[in-house]
Amino acid sequence: MTTLGTAIAIITVGIGALGLILKKNLIMKLLSLSIINTSTILFFVMVVYTPGDRAPIGELGVTQMADPLPQALVLTAVVINFGVLALSLLFTMVLVKRYHTLDIQKIEVSVKREFDEEKL
């Protein structure tokens, strides 16, 4: 595991978390969430990487083979990240169509107002 790759992954998680906390735009929040997911995948790849590994397919005399399980987990994480992002963008489109804004605070005020009107 390289310290540079680990440092980059930790810094990008921090940047994504700051964007998730500080931004009011829903699209920017989703982009920040995607940055966090991607940097965790980068960290996982950096943890399991060892130089000189070969694919466990083909040659019989290879002594150092790569473990296929982390590769499968990374592939699964990428697919899940894509699915979560696609579903979140769909929900964002529904919210924008209903409330005509991407600002999370304005959407919260509108939802609260609708909830109070229904309660009466």
C-alpha atoms as a PDB file:
ATOM      1  CA  MET A   1       0.000   0.000   0.000  1.00  0.00           C
ATOM      2  CA  THR A   2       1.420   3.360  -0.968  1.00  0.00           C
ATOM      3  CA  THR A   3       1.123   6.311   1.326  1.00  0.00           C
ATOM      4  CA  LEU A   4       0.549   8.704  -1.582  1.00  0.00           C
ATOM      5  CA  GLY A   5      -2.499   6.763  -2.807  1.00  0.00           C
ATOM      6  CA  THR A   6      -3.850   6.528   0.727  1.00  0.00           C
ATOM      7  CA  ALA A   7      -3.349  10.257   1.267  1.00  0.00           C
ATOM      8  CA  ILE A   8      -5.100  11.072  -2.009  1.00  0.00           C
ATOM      9  CA  ALA A   9      -8.043   8.820  -1.082  1.00  0.00           C
ATOM     10  CA  ILE A  10      -8.365  10.429   2.370  1.00  0.00           C
ATOM     11  CA  ILE A  11      -8.145  13.951   0.935  1.00  0.00           C
ATOM     12  CA  THR A  12     -10.812  13.224  -1.690  1.00  0.00           C
ATOM     13  CA  VAL A  13     -13.101  11.745   0.977  1.00  0.00           C
ATOM     14  CA  GLY A  14     -12.666  14.993   2.918  1.00  0.00           C
ATOM     15  CA  ILE A  15     -13.411  17.094  -0.157  1.00  0.00           C
ATOM     16  CA  GLY A  16     -16.515  15.035  -0.902  1.00  0.00           C
ATOM     17  CA  ALA A  17     -17.697  15.288   2.708  1.00  0.00           C
ATOM     18  CA  LEU A  18     -17.222  19.059   2.686  1.00  0.00           C
ATOM     19  CA  GLY A  19     -19.209  19.313  -0.532  1.00  0.00           C
ATOM     20  CA  LEU A  20     -21.930  17.110   0.933  1.00  0.00           C
ATOM     21  CA  ILE A  21     -22.179  19.295   4.031  1.00  0.00           C
ATOM     22  CA  LEU A  22     -21.697  22.783   2.595  1.00  0.00           C
ATOM     23  CA  LYS A  23     -23.465  22.734  -0.770  1.00  0.00           C
ATOM     24  CA  LYS A  24     -27.187  23.504  -1.017  1.00  0.00           C
ATOM     25  CA  ASN A  25     -27.638  22.329  -4.614  1.00  0.00           C
ATOM     26  CA  LEU A  26     -28.905  18.750  -4.877  1.00  0.00           C
ATOM     27  CA  ILE A  27     -26.809  17.964  -7.959  1.00  0.00           C
ATOM     28  CA  MET A  28     -23.651  19.156  -6.185  1.00  0.00           C
ATOM     29  CA  LYS A  29     -24.553  16.978  -3.191  1.00  0.00           C
ATOM     30  CA  LEU A  30     -24.895  13.958  -5.480  1.00  0.00           C
ATOM     31  CA  LEU A  31     -21.572  14.787  -7.127  1.00  0.00           C
ATOM     32  CA  SER A  32     -19.952  14.980  -3.685  1.00  0.00           C
ATOM     33  CA  LEU A  33     -21.452  11.628  -2.745  1.00  0.00           C
ATOM     34  CA  SER A  34     -20.072  10.139  -5.952  1.00  0.00           C
ATOM     35  CA  ILE A  35     -16.621  11.559  -5.119  1.00  0.00           C
ATOM     36  CA  ILE A  36     -16.760   9.890  -1.706  1.00  0.00           C
ATOM     37  CA  ASN A  37     -17.758   6.558  -3.251  1.00  0.00           C
ATOM     38  CA  THR A  38     -15.013   6.761  -5.866  1.00  0.00           C
ATOM     39  CA  SER A  39     -12.355   7.608  -3.309  1.00  0.00           C
ATOM     40  CA  THR A  40     -13.348   4.668  -1.116  1.00  0.00           C
ATOM     41  CA  ILE A  41     -12.954   2.426  -4.158  1.00  0.00           C
ATOM     42  CA  LEU A  42      -9.526   3.996  -4.756  1.00  0.00           C
ATOM     43  CA  PHE A  43      -8.567   3.315  -1.151  1.00  0.00           C
ATOM     44  CA  PHE A  44      -9.678  -0.298  -1.414  1.00  0.00           C
ATOM     45  CA  VAL A  45      -7.671  -0.771  -4.625  1.00  0.00           C
ATOM     46  CA  MET A  46      -4.600   0.759  -2.966  1.00  0.00           C
ATOM     47  CA  VAL A  47      -4.930  -1.601   0.008  1.00  0.00           C
ATOM     48  CA  VAL A  48      -5.042  -4.808  -2.041  1.00  0.00           C
ATOM     49  CA  TYR A  49      -2.529  -3.831  -4.740  1.00  0.00           C
ATOM     50  CA  THR A  50       0.828  -5.599  -4.750  1.00  0.00           C
ATOM     51  CA  PRO A  51       3.307  -5.063  -7.597  1.00  0.00           C
ATOM     52  CA  GLY A  52       4.008  -8.058  -9.806  1.00  0.00           C
ATOM     53  CA  ASP A  53       0.693  -9.869  -9.337  1.00  0.00           C
ATOM     54  CA  ARG A  54      -0.538 -11.868 -12.297  1.00  0.00           C
ATOM     55  CA  ALA A  55      -4.057 -12.877 -13.215  1.00  0.00           C
ATOM     56  CA  PRO A  56      -4.919 -16.334 -11.842  1.00  0.00           C
ATOM     57  CA  ILE A  57      -5.807 -17.548 -15.328  1.00  0.00           C
ATOM     58  CA  GLY A  58      -3.534 -19.269 -17.805  1.00  0.00           C
ATOM     59  CA  GLU A  59       0.095 -19.814 -16.867  1.00  0.00           C
ATOM     60  CA  LEU A  60       0.896 -22.669 -14.493  1.00  0.00           C
ATOM     61  CA  GLY A  61       4.301 -21.545 -13.223  1.00  0.00           C
ATOM     62  CA  VAL A  62       3.206 -18.172 -11.818  1.00  0.00           C
ATOM     63  CA  THR A  63       4.059 -17.892  -8.124  1.00  0.00           C
ATOM     64  CA  GLN A  64       2.471 -14.536  -7.317  1.00  0.00           C
ATOM     65  CA  MET A  65      -1.187 -14.332  -8.308  1.00  0.00           C
ATOM     66  CA  ALA A  66      -3.725 -11.582  -7.725  1.00  0.00           C
ATOM     67  CA  ASP A  67      -6.663 -12.386  -5.486  1.00  0.00           C
ATOM     68  CA  PRO A  68      -9.866 -12.169  -7.589  1.00  0.00           C
ATOM     69  CA  LEU A  69     -12.148 -11.459  -4.606  1.00  0.00           C
ATOM     70  CA  PRO A  70     -11.144  -7.774  -4.149  1.00  0.00           C
ATOM     71  CA  GLN A  71     -11.540  -7.268  -7.884  1.00  0.00           C
ATOM     72  CA  ALA A  72     -15.073  -8.632  -7.719  1.00  0.00           C
ATOM     73  CA  LEU A  73     -15.858  -6.443  -4.705  1.00  0.00           C
ATOM     74  CA  VAL A  74     -14.561  -3.326  -6.481  1.00  0.00           C
ATOM     75  CA  LEU A  75     -16.628  -4.166  -9.552  1.00  0.00           C
ATOM     76  CA  THR A  76     -19.692  -4.634  -7.345  1.00  0.00           C
ATOM     77  CA  ALA A  77     -19.016  -1.317  -5.594  1.00  0.00           C
ATOM     78  CA  VAL A  78     -18.794   0.485  -8.941  1.00  0.00           C
ATOM     79  CA  VAL A  79     -22.120  -0.984 -10.086  1.00  0.00           C
ATOM     80  CA  ILE A  80     -23.807  -0.115  -6.779  1.00  0.00           C
ATOM     81  CA  ASN A  81     -22.395   3.427  -6.990  1.00  0.00           C
ATOM     82  CA  PHE A  82     -23.868   3.782 -10.476  1.00  0.00           C
ATOM     83  CA  GLY A  83     -27.264   2.477  -9.348  1.00  0.00           C
ATOM     84  CA  VAL A  84     -27.402   4.761  -6.312  1.00  0.00           C
ATOM     85  CA  LEU A  85     -26.422   7.773  -8.414  1.00  0.00           C
ATOM     86  CA  ALA A  86     -29.000   6.973 -11.104  1.00  0.00           C
ATOM     87  CA  LEU A  87     -31.795   6.508  -8.565  1.00  0.00           C
ATOM     88  CA  SER A  88     -30.790   9.686  -6.731  1.00  0.00           C
ATOM     89  CA  LEU A  89     -30.827  11.662  -9.977  1.00  0.00           C
ATOM     90  CA  LEU A  90     -34.306  10.306 -10.684  1.00  0.00           C
ATOM     91  CA  PHE A  91     -35.536  11.466  -7.272  1.00  0.00           C
ATOM     92  CA  THR A  92     -33.865  14.837  -7.862  1.00  0.00           C
ATOM     93  CA  MET A  93     -35.704  15.170 -11.173  1.00  0.00           C
ATOM     94  CA  VAL A  94     -39.009  14.453  -9.407  1.00  0.00           C
ATOM     95  CA  LEU A  95     -38.252  17.056  -6.725  1.00  0.00           C
ATOM     96  CA  VAL A  96     -37.274  19.675  -9.313  1.00  0.00           C
ATOM     97  CA  LYS A  97     -40.420  18.997 -11.314  1.00  0.00           C
ATOM     98  CA  ARG A  98     -42.559  19.403  -8.210  1.00  0.00           C
ATOM     99  CA  TYR A  99     -40.822  22.318  -6.425  1.00  0.00           C
ATOM    100  CA  HIS A 100     -39.009  24.026  -9.350  1.00  0.00           C
ATOM    101  CA  THR A 101     -35.702  24.402  -7.489  1.00  0.00           C
ATOM    102  CA  LEU A 102     -32.511  22.523  -6.692  1.00  0.00           C
ATOM    103  CA  ASP A 103     -31.959  24.351  -3.402  1.00  0.00           C
ATOM    104  CA  ILE A 104     -32.410  21.879  -0.546  1.00  0.00           C
ATOM    105  CA  GLN A 105     -33.460  24.536   1.946  1.00  0.00           C
ATOM    106  CA  LYS A 106     -36.259  25.819  -0.298  1.00  0.00           C
ATOM    107  CA  ILE A 107     -37.466  22.257  -0.846  1.00  0.00           C
ATOM    108  CA  GLU A 108     -37.482  21.635   2.915  1.00  0.00           C
ATOM    109  CA  VAL A 109     -39.545  24.801   3.500  1.00  0.00           C
ATOM    110  CA  SER A 110     -42.019  23.794   0.783  1.00  0.00           C
ATOM    111  CA  VAL A 111     -42.369  20.266   2.165  1.00  0.00           C
ATOM    112  CA  LYS A 112     -42.867  21.611   5.689  1.00  0.00           C
ATOM    113  CA  ARG A 113     -45.515  24.034   4.428  1.00  0.00           C
ATOM    114  CA  GLU A 114     -47.346  21.227   2.604  1.00  0.00           C
ATOM    115  CA  PHE A 115     -47.175  19.030   5.689  1.00  0.00           C
ATOM    116  CA  ASP A 116     -48.595  21.802   7.893  1.00  0.00           C
ATOM    117  CA  GLU A 117     -51.420  22.430   5.404  1.00  0.00           C
ATOM    118  CA  GLU A 118     -52.322  18.740   5.376  1.00  0.00           C
ATOM    119  CA  LYS A 119     -52.346  18.618   9.156  1.00  0.00           C
ATOM    120  CA  LEU A 120     -55.013  21.310   9.336  1.00  0.00           C
END
